[in-house]
Amino acid sequence: MAFGSKRPTFKPTPYGHTRRSRGIPRWLLLLITGVVLGAGGVLFLQRSYGPQRLTVEQSEQLRTDLNTANLENQRLTVESEKVKAQIKQAQESQKEQATRAEQMSKRAAEMQAGVASLIEAIPPDPRGSSPGIRNADMSVRDDGVDYRILLIQDPPKGQTQAPVLRGQIKLIAQGSYPNGNTAYVELVEQPLEMGRYIVIEGRAELPNKAFRPRQVTIQITGEGSEKIISTRTFRITAAR
């Protein structure tokens, strides 16, 4: 029997374990791979779909466009201020005109009231007709007759305004010739349109220089009618 030291033979058992050499963990490989793929994807998207870098010419053009836009903005701002000033001035002018119109309207009402009082003070037409021939001035000058006639129409009862009257006004002169013969000469016939009152004035040339008028009869007829609705006679005076 031989004696010697013998090492026991190692045999793995189901409950034991063997020591293995350590490598890179799998999770770390997955992490690194994900980072690499993610960075590559970002670069790909930036190159494919991201904004392109501008060239020098494009940068200069962009700077020029920005300057132009700034200048245009300044111009529009100045024009906007001008328009605002014009609008303000127009509003002030409109306000001033409205005030002036109100003053004129008030003055017109006062004048109308004064005219109404004056009309009431004028002696009525002796015939009591309407329109009434309230007054007239007749004068001979240089073979013609200058005339000025005031007609006033009475408004309907309970009203202050008279309706519009349309018709004709005729002036007939009565006078004589040097031989003593009496004659009637029509001096004027013209359309008439009036409201509450009207002043008719003018000059009528005498058809015959030898005719010497002494008085003028005024006749008023309605539109489309020969019926005389107002008439009055005034003596002619010599012109001063």
Protein backbone atom coordinates (compact mmCIF):
# COMPACT_ATOMS: atom_id res chain seq x y z
CA MET A 1 0.00 0.00 0.00
CA ALA A 2 1.54 3.20 -1.10
CA PHE A 3 1.30 6.30 1.07
CA GLY A 4 1.20 9.71 -0.48
CA SER A 5 -0.86 12.85 -0.29
CA LYS A 6 -3.70 12.92 -2.73
CA ARG A 7 -5.89 15.93 -3.31
CA PRO A 8 -9.50 15.23 -3.31
CA THR A 9 -11.12 15.44 -6.71
CA PHE A 10 -13.65 18.41 -6.91
CA LYS A 11 -17.01 17.51 -8.13
CA PRO A 12 -19.74 20.03 -8.43
CA THR A 13 -22.86 19.34 -6.57
CA PRO A 14 -26.36 20.61 -7.28
CA TYR A 15 -26.09 22.95 -4.30
CA GLY A 16 -22.77 24.46 -5.10
CA HIS A 17 -21.66 27.14 -7.61
CA THR A 18 -18.68 27.88 -9.73
CA ARG A 19 -16.96 31.30 -10.03
CA ARG A 20 -17.27 32.79 -13.51
CA SER A 21 -15.37 35.70 -15.06
CA ARG A 22 -17.34 38.99 -14.83
CA GLY A 23 -18.26 40.82 -18.18
CA ILE A 24 -20.31 44.00 -19.11
CA PRO A 25 -23.81 43.80 -17.71
CA ARG A 26 -26.56 43.38 -20.21
CA TRP A 27 -28.57 46.32 -18.93
CA LEU A 28 -25.59 48.62 -19.44
CA LEU A 29 -25.26 47.48 -23.04
CA LEU A 30 -28.94 48.22 -23.61
CA LEU A 31 -28.58 51.66 -22.06
CA ILE A 32 -25.55 52.56 -24.17
CA THR A 33 -27.24 51.26 -27.28
CA GLY A 34 -30.33 53.36 -26.55
CA VAL A 35 -28.27 56.48 -26.01
CA VAL A 36 -26.39 55.98 -29.26
CA LEU A 37 -29.58 55.35 -31.21
CA GLY A 38 -31.28 58.36 -29.63
CA ALA A 39 -28.42 60.71 -30.44
CA GLY A 40 -28.32 59.41 -33.99
CA GLY A 41 -32.05 59.93 -34.34
CA VAL A 42 -31.81 63.51 -33.11
CA LEU A 43 -29.03 64.29 -35.57
CA PHE A 44 -31.02 62.70 -38.36
CA LEU A 45 -34.13 64.72 -37.56
CA GLN A 46 -32.15 67.94 -37.29
CA ARG A 47 -30.52 67.40 -40.67
CA SER A 48 -33.66 66.14 -42.37
CA TYR A 49 -36.40 68.34 -40.88
CA GLY A 50 -34.72 70.96 -38.74
CA PRO A 51 -33.93 74.55 -39.80
CA GLN A 52 -31.16 74.85 -42.29
CA ARG A 53 -28.19 77.00 -41.53
CA LEU A 54 -28.16 80.26 -43.46
CA THR A 55 -25.43 81.20 -45.82
CA VAL A 56 -23.65 84.56 -45.63
CA GLU A 57 -25.74 85.93 -48.50
CA GLN A 58 -28.94 84.71 -46.87
CA SER A 59 -27.93 86.26 -43.56
CA GLU A 60 -27.27 89.62 -45.26
CA GLN A 61 -30.59 89.41 -47.08
CA LEU A 62 -32.37 88.61 -43.83
CA ARG A 63 -30.71 91.59 -42.12
CA THR A 64 -31.71 93.84 -45.02
CA ASP A 65 -35.30 92.62 -44.86
CA LEU A 66 -35.41 93.25 -41.12
CA ASN A 67 -34.11 96.80 -41.58
CA THR A 68 -36.67 97.41 -44.32
CA ALA A 69 -39.44 96.06 -42.09
CA ASN A 70 -38.31 98.33 -39.25
CA LEU A 71 -38.30 101.37 -41.54
CA GLU A 72 -41.74 100.48 -42.87
CA ASN A 73 -43.00 100.06 -39.31
CA GLN A 74 -41.66 103.50 -38.41
CA ARG A 75 -43.29 105.02 -41.50
CA LEU A 76 -46.63 103.41 -40.69
CA THR A 77 -46.35 104.64 -37.11
CA VAL A 78 -45.77 108.21 -38.29
CA GLU A 79 -48.70 107.98 -40.74
CA SER A 80 -50.88 106.53 -37.99
CA GLU A 81 -50.09 109.50 -35.76
CA LYS A 82 -50.91 111.88 -38.62
CA VAL A 83 -54.24 110.13 -39.22
CA LYS A 84 -55.05 110.30 -35.51
CA ALA A 85 -54.26 114.03 -35.51
CA GLN A 86 -56.45 114.57 -38.59
CA ILE A 87 -59.32 112.64 -37.01
CA LYS A 88 -59.02 114.69 -33.84
CA GLN A 89 -58.96 117.91 -35.85
CA ALA A 90 -62.00 116.77 -37.87
CA GLN A 91 -63.88 115.94 -34.68
CA GLU A 92 -63.07 119.34 -33.20
CA SER A 93 -64.11 121.04 -36.45
CA GLN A 94 -67.35 119.06 -36.51
CA LYS A 95 -68.04 120.02 -32.92
CA GLU A 96 -67.36 123.66 -33.75
CA GLN A 97 -69.65 123.51 -36.79
CA ALA A 98 -72.39 121.90 -34.71
CA THR A 99 -72.09 124.70 -32.16
CA ARG A 100 -72.16 127.30 -34.92
CA ALA A 101 -75.18 125.64 -36.56
CA GLU A 102 -76.99 125.64 -33.23
CA GLN A 103 -76.24 129.34 -32.78
CA MET A 104 -77.42 130.12 -36.32
CA SER A 105 -80.58 128.09 -35.77
CA LYS A 106 -81.26 130.00 -32.57
CA ARG A 107 -80.61 133.29 -34.34
CA ALA A 108 -82.88 132.29 -37.22
CA ALA A 109 -85.63 131.43 -34.75
CA GLU A 110 -85.20 134.82 -33.11
CA MET A 111 -85.28 136.55 -36.51
CA GLN A 112 -88.35 134.58 -37.50
CA ALA A 113 -90.04 135.65 -34.29
CA GLY A 114 -89.04 139.25 -35.04
CA VAL A 115 -90.40 138.99 -38.59
CA ALA A 116 -93.64 137.55 -37.25
CA SER A 117 -93.97 140.52 -34.89
CA LEU A 118 -93.16 142.91 -37.74
CA ILE A 119 -95.76 141.29 -39.98
CA GLU A 120 -98.38 141.73 -37.30
CA ALA A 121 -97.43 145.41 -37.05
CA ILE A 122 -97.84 146.10 -40.79
CA PRO A 123 -101.25 147.49 -41.71
CA PRO A 124 -103.46 144.85 -43.37
CA ASP A 125 -104.71 144.96 -46.93
CA PRO A 126 -107.88 147.11 -46.93
CA ARG A 127 -109.67 144.47 -49.00
CA GLY A 128 -108.86 141.77 -46.45
CA SER A 129 -107.71 139.35 -49.16
CA SER A 130 -104.99 136.73 -48.83
CA PRO A 131 -102.36 137.11 -49.97
CA GLY A 132 -102.67 140.68 -48.90
CA ILE A 133 -100.88 143.42 -50.81
CA ARG A 134 -99.62 145.12 -47.69
CA ASN A 135 -97.45 147.83 -49.20
CA ALA A 136 -95.79 148.93 -52.45
CA ASP A 137 -93.43 151.66 -53.62
CA MET A 138 -93.73 152.86 -57.21
CA SER A 139 -91.50 155.53 -58.74
CA VAL A 140 -90.75 156.79 -62.27
CA ARG A 141 -87.11 157.06 -63.31
CA ASP A 142 -85.54 157.33 -66.78
CA ASP A 143 -88.63 156.23 -68.72
CA GLY A 144 -89.19 153.29 -66.43
CA VAL A 145 -91.02 152.35 -63.24
CA ASP A 146 -89.16 150.96 -60.25
CA TYR A 147 -91.36 148.87 -58.00
CA ARG A 148 -91.13 147.13 -54.64
CA ILE A 149 -94.11 145.12 -53.39
CA LEU A 150 -94.73 143.34 -50.08
CA LEU A 151 -97.15 140.42 -50.13
CA ILE A 152 -98.23 138.60 -46.97
CA GLN A 153 -100.32 135.45 -46.90
CA ASP A 154 -102.38 134.56 -43.84
CA PRO A 155 -101.80 131.05 -42.45
CA PRO A 156 -104.76 128.76 -41.80
CA LYS A 157 -106.42 129.16 -38.42
CA GLY A 158 -104.42 127.54 -35.63
CA GLN A 159 -101.22 127.35 -37.71
CA THR A 160 -98.12 129.50 -37.99
CA GLN A 161 -97.04 128.57 -41.53
CA ALA A 162 -98.89 129.47 -44.70
CA PRO A 163 -99.18 127.01 -47.61
CA VAL A 164 -97.22 127.63 -50.79
CA LEU A 165 -99.14 129.82 -53.20
CA ARG A 166 -98.40 129.64 -56.95
CA GLY A 167 -99.88 131.95 -59.50
CA GLN A 168 -99.22 135.15 -61.47
CA ILE A 169 -98.65 138.76 -60.52
CA LYS A 170 -99.46 141.54 -62.98
CA LEU A 171 -98.73 145.29 -62.88
CA ILE A 172 -100.93 147.60 -64.96
CA ALA A 173 -100.09 151.30 -65.19
CA GLN A 174 -102.72 153.96 -65.69
CA GLY A 175 -101.63 157.28 -67.17
CA SER A 176 -101.99 159.66 -70.07
CA TYR A 177 -100.31 160.94 -73.20
CA PRO A 178 -99.42 164.57 -73.94
CA ASN A 179 -102.66 164.95 -75.92
CA GLY A 180 -104.64 164.16 -72.76
CA ASN A 181 -105.77 160.68 -73.71
CA THR A 182 -105.93 158.22 -70.77
CA ALA A 183 -104.39 154.77 -71.30
CA TYR A 184 -103.68 151.52 -69.45
CA VAL A 185 -100.33 149.85 -70.08
CA GLU A 186 -99.31 146.42 -68.80
CA LEU A 187 -95.87 146.78 -67.27
CA VAL A 188 -95.12 143.35 -65.77
CA GLU A 189 -96.57 139.86 -65.71
CA GLN A 190 -94.50 137.15 -64.02
CA PRO A 191 -94.92 133.88 -62.11
CA LEU A 192 -95.51 134.08 -58.37
CA GLU A 193 -94.55 131.53 -55.72
CA MET A 194 -94.68 132.47 -52.05
CA GLY A 195 -95.18 131.18 -48.54
CA ARG A 196 -95.87 133.39 -45.55
CA TYR A 197 -94.52 136.53 -47.23
CA ILE A 198 -92.48 137.73 -50.18
CA VAL A 199 -90.95 140.97 -51.44
CA ILE A 200 -91.10 141.47 -55.21
CA GLU A 201 -88.96 144.20 -56.71
CA GLY A 202 -87.73 145.16 -60.13
CA ARG A 203 -87.95 147.69 -62.94
CA ALA A 204 -90.35 147.89 -65.85
CA GLU A 205 -89.53 149.92 -68.95
CA LEU A 206 -92.32 152.07 -70.37
CA PRO A 207 -93.33 150.97 -73.89
CA ASN A 208 -93.79 154.58 -74.99
CA LYS A 209 -91.65 157.44 -73.76
CA ALA A 210 -94.57 159.82 -74.22
CA PHE A 211 -96.73 157.85 -71.78
CA ARG A 212 -96.83 159.36 -68.29
CA PRO A 213 -98.05 156.84 -65.66
CA ARG A 214 -99.84 158.14 -62.58
CA GLN A 215 -100.72 154.92 -60.72
CA VAL A 216 -100.17 151.15 -60.87
CA THR A 217 -102.73 148.44 -60.16
CA ILE A 218 -101.38 145.13 -58.82
CA GLN A 219 -103.34 141.98 -59.67
CA ILE A 220 -102.71 138.46 -58.35
CA THR A 221 -104.27 135.34 -59.85
CA GLY A 222 -104.02 131.72 -58.82
CA GLU A 223 -102.19 129.07 -60.81
CA GLY A 224 -104.16 127.95 -63.84
CA SER A 225 -106.90 130.52 -63.23
CA GLU A 226 -107.73 134.02 -64.47
CA LYS A 227 -109.71 134.88 -61.35
CA ILE A 228 -108.19 137.80 -59.46
CA ILE A 229 -107.72 136.84 -55.81
CA SER A 230 -105.97 140.06 -54.71
CA THR A 231 -105.71 143.55 -56.18
CA ARG A 232 -104.68 147.01 -55.01
CA THR A 233 -103.76 150.32 -56.62
CA PHE A 234 -100.82 152.55 -55.64
CA ARG A 235 -99.91 156.03 -56.86
CA ILE A 236 -96.57 156.55 -58.60
CA THR A 237 -94.13 159.05 -57.20
CA ALA A 238 -91.22 160.74 -58.91
CA ALA A 239 -87.83 159.24 -58.21
CA ARG A 240 -85.65 161.20 -55.81
